[in-house]
Structures are given as structure tokens and as C-alpha cells.
N, C-alpha and C. Protein backbone atom coordinates (compact mmCIF):
# COMPACT_ATOMS: atom_id res chain seq x y z
N UNK A 1 25.50 223.42 -109.49
CA UNK A 1 24.74 224.08 -108.45
C UNK A 1 23.88 225.16 -109.10
N UNK A 2 22.59 225.13 -108.81
CA UNK A 2 21.74 226.15 -109.39
C UNK A 2 21.80 227.45 -108.58
N UNK A 3 21.16 228.50 -109.08
CA UNK A 3 21.24 229.81 -108.44
C UNK A 3 20.70 229.78 -107.02
N UNK A 4 19.63 229.01 -106.79
CA UNK A 4 19.07 228.95 -105.45
C UNK A 4 20.08 228.36 -104.47
N UNK A 5 20.72 227.27 -104.84
CA UNK A 5 21.73 226.66 -103.98
C UNK A 5 22.89 227.61 -103.75
N UNK A 6 23.31 228.32 -104.79
CA UNK A 6 24.41 229.26 -104.68
C UNK A 6 24.07 230.35 -103.67
N UNK A 7 22.86 230.87 -103.75
CA UNK A 7 22.43 231.92 -102.83
C UNK A 7 22.41 231.40 -101.39
N UNK A 8 21.89 230.21 -101.18
CA UNK A 8 21.86 229.64 -99.84
C UNK A 8 23.27 229.41 -99.32
N UNK A 9 24.16 228.97 -100.17
CA UNK A 9 25.53 228.74 -99.78
C UNK A 9 26.18 230.05 -99.35
N UNK A 10 25.96 231.11 -100.10
CA UNK A 10 26.54 232.41 -99.76
C UNK A 10 26.03 232.88 -98.42
N UNK A 11 24.74 232.75 -98.20
CA UNK A 11 24.14 233.19 -96.95
C UNK A 11 24.70 232.39 -95.79
N UNK A 12 24.80 231.10 -95.95
CA UNK A 12 25.33 230.24 -94.89
C UNK A 12 26.77 230.60 -94.58
N UNK A 13 27.59 230.79 -95.59
CA UNK A 13 28.99 231.13 -95.37
C UNK A 13 29.13 232.47 -94.65
N UNK A 14 28.34 233.44 -95.03
CA UNK A 14 28.40 234.75 -94.39
C UNK A 14 28.01 234.64 -92.92
N UNK A 15 26.96 233.92 -92.63
CA UNK A 15 26.53 233.77 -91.24
C UNK A 15 27.55 232.99 -90.42
N UNK A 16 28.12 231.96 -91.00
CA UNK A 16 29.16 231.20 -90.29
C UNK A 16 30.37 232.08 -90.02
N UNK A 17 30.69 232.90 -90.97
CA UNK A 17 31.81 233.80 -90.81
C UNK A 17 31.55 234.82 -89.70
N UNK A 18 30.35 235.38 -89.70
CA UNK A 18 29.98 236.33 -88.64
C UNK A 18 30.06 235.65 -87.26
N UNK A 19 29.60 234.43 -87.18
CA UNK A 19 29.67 233.70 -85.91
C UNK A 19 31.12 233.48 -85.49
N UNK A 20 31.98 233.16 -86.43
CA UNK A 20 33.40 232.98 -86.13
C UNK A 20 34.00 234.25 -85.56
N UNK A 21 33.70 235.39 -86.18
CA UNK A 21 34.25 236.66 -85.71
C UNK A 21 33.77 237.00 -84.30
N UNK A 22 32.58 236.54 -83.94
CA UNK A 22 32.04 236.83 -82.62
C UNK A 22 32.65 235.95 -81.53
N UNK A 23 33.48 234.99 -81.89
CA UNK A 23 34.08 234.10 -80.88
C UNK A 23 35.21 234.77 -80.13
N UNK A 24 35.61 235.96 -80.57
CA UNK A 24 36.69 236.66 -79.88
C UNK A 24 38.04 236.47 -80.55
N UNK A 25 38.06 235.76 -81.67
CA UNK A 25 39.32 235.60 -82.40
C UNK A 25 39.79 236.98 -82.87
N UNK A 26 41.09 237.16 -82.91
CA UNK A 26 41.67 238.43 -83.35
C UNK A 26 41.57 238.54 -84.86
N UNK A 27 40.76 239.45 -85.38
CA UNK A 27 40.60 239.57 -86.84
C UNK A 27 41.84 240.16 -87.51
N UNK A 28 42.78 240.67 -86.71
CA UNK A 28 44.00 241.27 -87.27
C UNK A 28 45.21 240.36 -87.17
N UNK A 29 45.01 239.13 -86.69
CA UNK A 29 46.11 238.18 -86.65
C UNK A 29 46.57 237.90 -88.08
N UNK A 30 47.87 237.74 -88.26
CA UNK A 30 48.40 237.53 -89.61
C UNK A 30 49.07 236.17 -89.73
N UNK A 31 49.15 235.68 -90.96
CA UNK A 31 49.83 234.42 -91.23
C UNK A 31 51.30 234.68 -91.53
N UNK A 32 52.00 233.65 -91.95
CA UNK A 32 53.44 233.76 -92.20
C UNK A 32 53.79 234.74 -93.32
N UNK A 33 52.82 235.06 -94.17
CA UNK A 33 53.04 236.03 -95.25
C UNK A 33 52.60 237.44 -94.86
N UNK A 34 52.15 237.58 -93.63
CA UNK A 34 51.68 238.88 -93.18
C UNK A 34 50.26 239.20 -93.62
N UNK A 35 49.56 238.19 -94.13
CA UNK A 35 48.18 238.41 -94.58
C UNK A 35 47.21 238.23 -93.42
N UNK A 36 46.33 239.20 -93.27
CA UNK A 36 45.29 239.12 -92.26
C UNK A 36 44.18 238.20 -92.75
N UNK A 37 43.23 237.94 -91.86
CA UNK A 37 42.08 237.14 -92.21
C UNK A 37 41.32 237.75 -93.39
N UNK A 38 41.18 239.09 -93.35
CA UNK A 38 40.49 239.77 -94.45
C UNK A 38 41.27 239.63 -95.75
N UNK A 39 42.58 239.77 -95.69
CA UNK A 39 43.40 239.64 -96.90
C UNK A 39 43.24 238.24 -97.49
N UNK A 40 43.29 237.23 -96.65
CA UNK A 40 43.13 235.86 -97.14
C UNK A 40 41.74 235.62 -97.69
N UNK A 41 40.74 236.20 -97.06
CA UNK A 41 39.37 236.07 -97.55
C UNK A 41 39.24 236.69 -98.93
N UNK A 42 39.78 237.88 -99.09
CA UNK A 42 39.71 238.56 -100.39
C UNK A 42 40.45 237.77 -101.46
N UNK A 43 41.59 237.23 -101.12
CA UNK A 43 42.39 236.49 -102.10
C UNK A 43 41.80 235.13 -102.44
N UNK A 44 40.88 234.65 -101.62
CA UNK A 44 40.32 233.32 -101.86
C UNK A 44 38.99 233.34 -102.59
N UNK A 45 38.51 234.52 -102.95
CA UNK A 45 37.22 234.59 -103.64
C UNK A 45 37.30 235.53 -104.83
N UNK A 46 36.53 235.22 -105.82
CA UNK A 46 36.38 236.11 -106.97
C UNK A 46 34.99 236.71 -106.97
N UNK A 47 34.23 236.45 -105.92
CA UNK A 47 32.86 236.92 -105.86
C UNK A 47 32.77 238.18 -105.02
N UNK A 48 32.60 239.29 -105.68
CA UNK A 48 32.49 240.57 -104.99
C UNK A 48 31.35 240.58 -104.00
N UNK A 49 30.27 239.89 -104.33
CA UNK A 49 29.12 239.88 -103.43
C UNK A 49 29.46 239.25 -102.09
N UNK A 50 30.30 238.24 -102.09
CA UNK A 50 30.70 237.62 -100.82
C UNK A 50 31.49 238.60 -99.98
N UNK A 51 32.41 239.33 -100.61
CA UNK A 51 33.21 240.32 -99.88
C UNK A 51 32.32 241.44 -99.37
N UNK A 52 31.41 241.92 -100.20
CA UNK A 52 30.50 242.99 -99.80
C UNK A 52 29.63 242.54 -98.63
N UNK A 53 29.17 241.29 -98.64
CA UNK A 53 28.35 240.77 -97.55
C UNK A 53 29.13 240.64 -96.25
N UNK A 54 30.39 240.24 -96.34
CA UNK A 54 31.19 239.97 -95.15
C UNK A 54 31.90 241.20 -94.60
N UNK A 55 32.13 242.20 -95.43
CA UNK A 55 32.92 243.36 -95.01
C UNK A 55 32.37 244.05 -93.76
N UNK A 56 31.06 244.25 -93.62
CA UNK A 56 30.57 244.86 -92.38
C UNK A 56 30.95 244.06 -91.14
N UNK A 57 30.96 242.74 -91.24
CA UNK A 57 31.35 241.91 -90.09
C UNK A 57 32.82 242.11 -89.75
N UNK A 58 33.66 242.23 -90.76
CA UNK A 58 35.07 242.51 -90.53
C UNK A 58 35.24 243.86 -89.82
N UNK A 59 34.52 244.86 -90.30
CA UNK A 59 34.63 246.20 -89.72
C UNK A 59 34.14 246.20 -88.28
N UNK A 60 33.00 245.55 -88.03
CA UNK A 60 32.46 245.45 -86.67
C UNK A 60 33.44 244.75 -85.73
N UNK A 61 34.19 243.80 -86.26
CA UNK A 61 35.15 243.04 -85.45
C UNK A 61 36.45 243.83 -85.22
N UNK A 62 36.59 244.98 -85.87
CA UNK A 62 37.75 245.81 -85.66
C UNK A 62 38.93 245.53 -86.57
N UNK A 63 38.67 244.99 -87.74
CA UNK A 63 39.76 244.69 -88.67
C UNK A 63 40.45 245.97 -89.13
N UNK A 64 41.76 245.88 -89.29
CA UNK A 64 42.56 247.01 -89.77
C UNK A 64 42.53 247.02 -91.30
N UNK A 65 41.76 247.92 -91.87
CA UNK A 65 41.64 248.00 -93.33
C UNK A 65 42.90 248.54 -93.98
N UNK A 66 43.79 249.13 -93.21
CA UNK A 66 45.02 249.71 -93.76
C UNK A 66 46.22 248.77 -93.63
N UNK A 67 46.01 247.58 -93.11
CA UNK A 67 47.11 246.63 -92.93
C UNK A 67 47.77 246.28 -94.27
N UNK A 68 49.08 246.13 -94.24
CA UNK A 68 49.83 245.69 -95.42
C UNK A 68 50.55 244.39 -95.08
N UNK A 69 50.58 243.49 -96.05
CA UNK A 69 51.26 242.21 -95.84
C UNK A 69 52.78 242.37 -96.04
N UNK A 70 53.51 241.26 -95.96
CA UNK A 70 54.96 241.32 -96.09
C UNK A 70 55.43 241.84 -97.45
N UNK A 71 54.57 241.72 -98.46
CA UNK A 71 54.90 242.25 -99.79
C UNK A 71 54.54 243.73 -99.90
N UNK A 72 54.02 244.31 -98.83
CA UNK A 72 53.65 245.72 -98.83
C UNK A 72 52.31 245.99 -99.50
N UNK A 73 51.50 244.94 -99.71
CA UNK A 73 50.21 245.11 -100.37
C UNK A 73 49.11 245.32 -99.34
N UNK A 74 48.31 246.34 -99.58
CA UNK A 74 47.19 246.64 -98.70
C UNK A 74 45.97 245.80 -99.09
N UNK A 75 44.97 245.86 -98.23
CA UNK A 75 43.70 245.18 -98.51
C UNK A 75 43.13 245.69 -99.83
N UNK A 76 43.19 246.98 -100.03
CA UNK A 76 42.68 247.59 -101.26
C UNK A 76 43.43 247.07 -102.48
N UNK A 77 44.74 247.00 -102.40
CA UNK A 77 45.52 246.49 -103.54
C UNK A 77 45.17 245.04 -103.84
N UNK A 78 45.01 244.23 -102.81
CA UNK A 78 44.65 242.83 -103.01
C UNK A 78 43.28 242.71 -103.67
N UNK A 79 42.34 243.54 -103.24
CA UNK A 79 41.00 243.52 -103.83
C UNK A 79 41.04 243.90 -105.31
N UNK A 80 41.87 244.88 -105.63
CA UNK A 80 42.02 245.28 -107.04
C UNK A 80 42.64 244.16 -107.86
N UNK A 81 43.64 243.47 -107.29
CA UNK A 81 44.27 242.35 -107.99
C UNK A 81 43.28 241.22 -108.23
N UNK A 82 42.32 241.05 -107.33
CA UNK A 82 41.30 240.02 -107.50
C UNK A 82 40.22 240.46 -108.49
N UNK A 83 40.33 241.72 -108.93
CA UNK A 83 39.36 242.28 -109.87
C UNK A 83 37.94 242.26 -109.31
N UNK A 84 37.85 242.62 -108.02
CA UNK A 84 36.54 242.74 -107.40
C UNK A 84 35.83 243.95 -107.96
N UNK A 85 34.52 243.94 -107.87
CA UNK A 85 33.70 245.02 -108.44
C UNK A 85 34.05 246.37 -107.84
N UNK A 86 33.80 247.41 -108.60
CA UNK A 86 34.11 248.77 -108.18
C UNK A 86 33.39 249.16 -106.88
N UNK A 87 32.17 248.66 -106.68
CA UNK A 87 31.45 249.01 -105.45
C UNK A 87 32.17 248.46 -104.21
N UNK A 88 32.79 247.29 -104.32
CA UNK A 88 33.56 246.74 -103.21
C UNK A 88 34.84 247.54 -103.02
N UNK A 89 35.49 247.88 -104.12
CA UNK A 89 36.71 248.68 -104.05
C UNK A 89 36.43 250.00 -103.33
N UNK A 90 35.31 250.62 -103.63
CA UNK A 90 34.97 251.89 -102.99
C UNK A 90 34.67 251.72 -101.51
N UNK A 91 34.11 250.56 -101.12
CA UNK A 91 33.87 250.30 -99.70
C UNK A 91 35.18 250.22 -98.92
N UNK A 92 36.20 249.71 -99.59
CA UNK A 92 37.50 249.56 -98.91
C UNK A 92 38.22 250.88 -98.86
């Protein structure tokens, strides 16, 4: 995939994600491990730019940035474990 396709893919995913959050789904619902949608999103990507692009949508949807999963890990701790860029870490 070339850079142009990658950029289009990122934009499409972000917009699809924003549309999903606007459906009224609870952004703070957790899975069996206690991970929220944001926690799973952070753990599923190594691209800081994707997290930075999507984070405002999470915040607008009312996501709890202080939530901890069953292992006691916060969103911030998970982002650090994913080695996301410092600018994303500071946003959290």
C-alpha cells in the first residue's frame, strides 16, 4: 500500500469510527477483560496518528479517560505500553 492509500484508509477509518460513536453506542461499555472501546482501540494500533485523529471523537462521545481495566491499567498506561508518540501520551 502506498502512502496515498494509507492516508485514505486512515481518513476512512476515522470517519467510520466517528459515525459509529454517533449511533448512541455506549463508549464506556467494557469487554470481559474490563477494556473499554478506547482501550481496545489503543491496544489494536501502533499508529499514534490514528489515536490522535480519533481521540477527539472519543472525548466528544463522553469516554472515561480514567477508566482502568481488570488488570488495573489505565488508558494512559495502555498507550505507553503501545509506545505511542509523546504527543498522544500528553493528550491522554
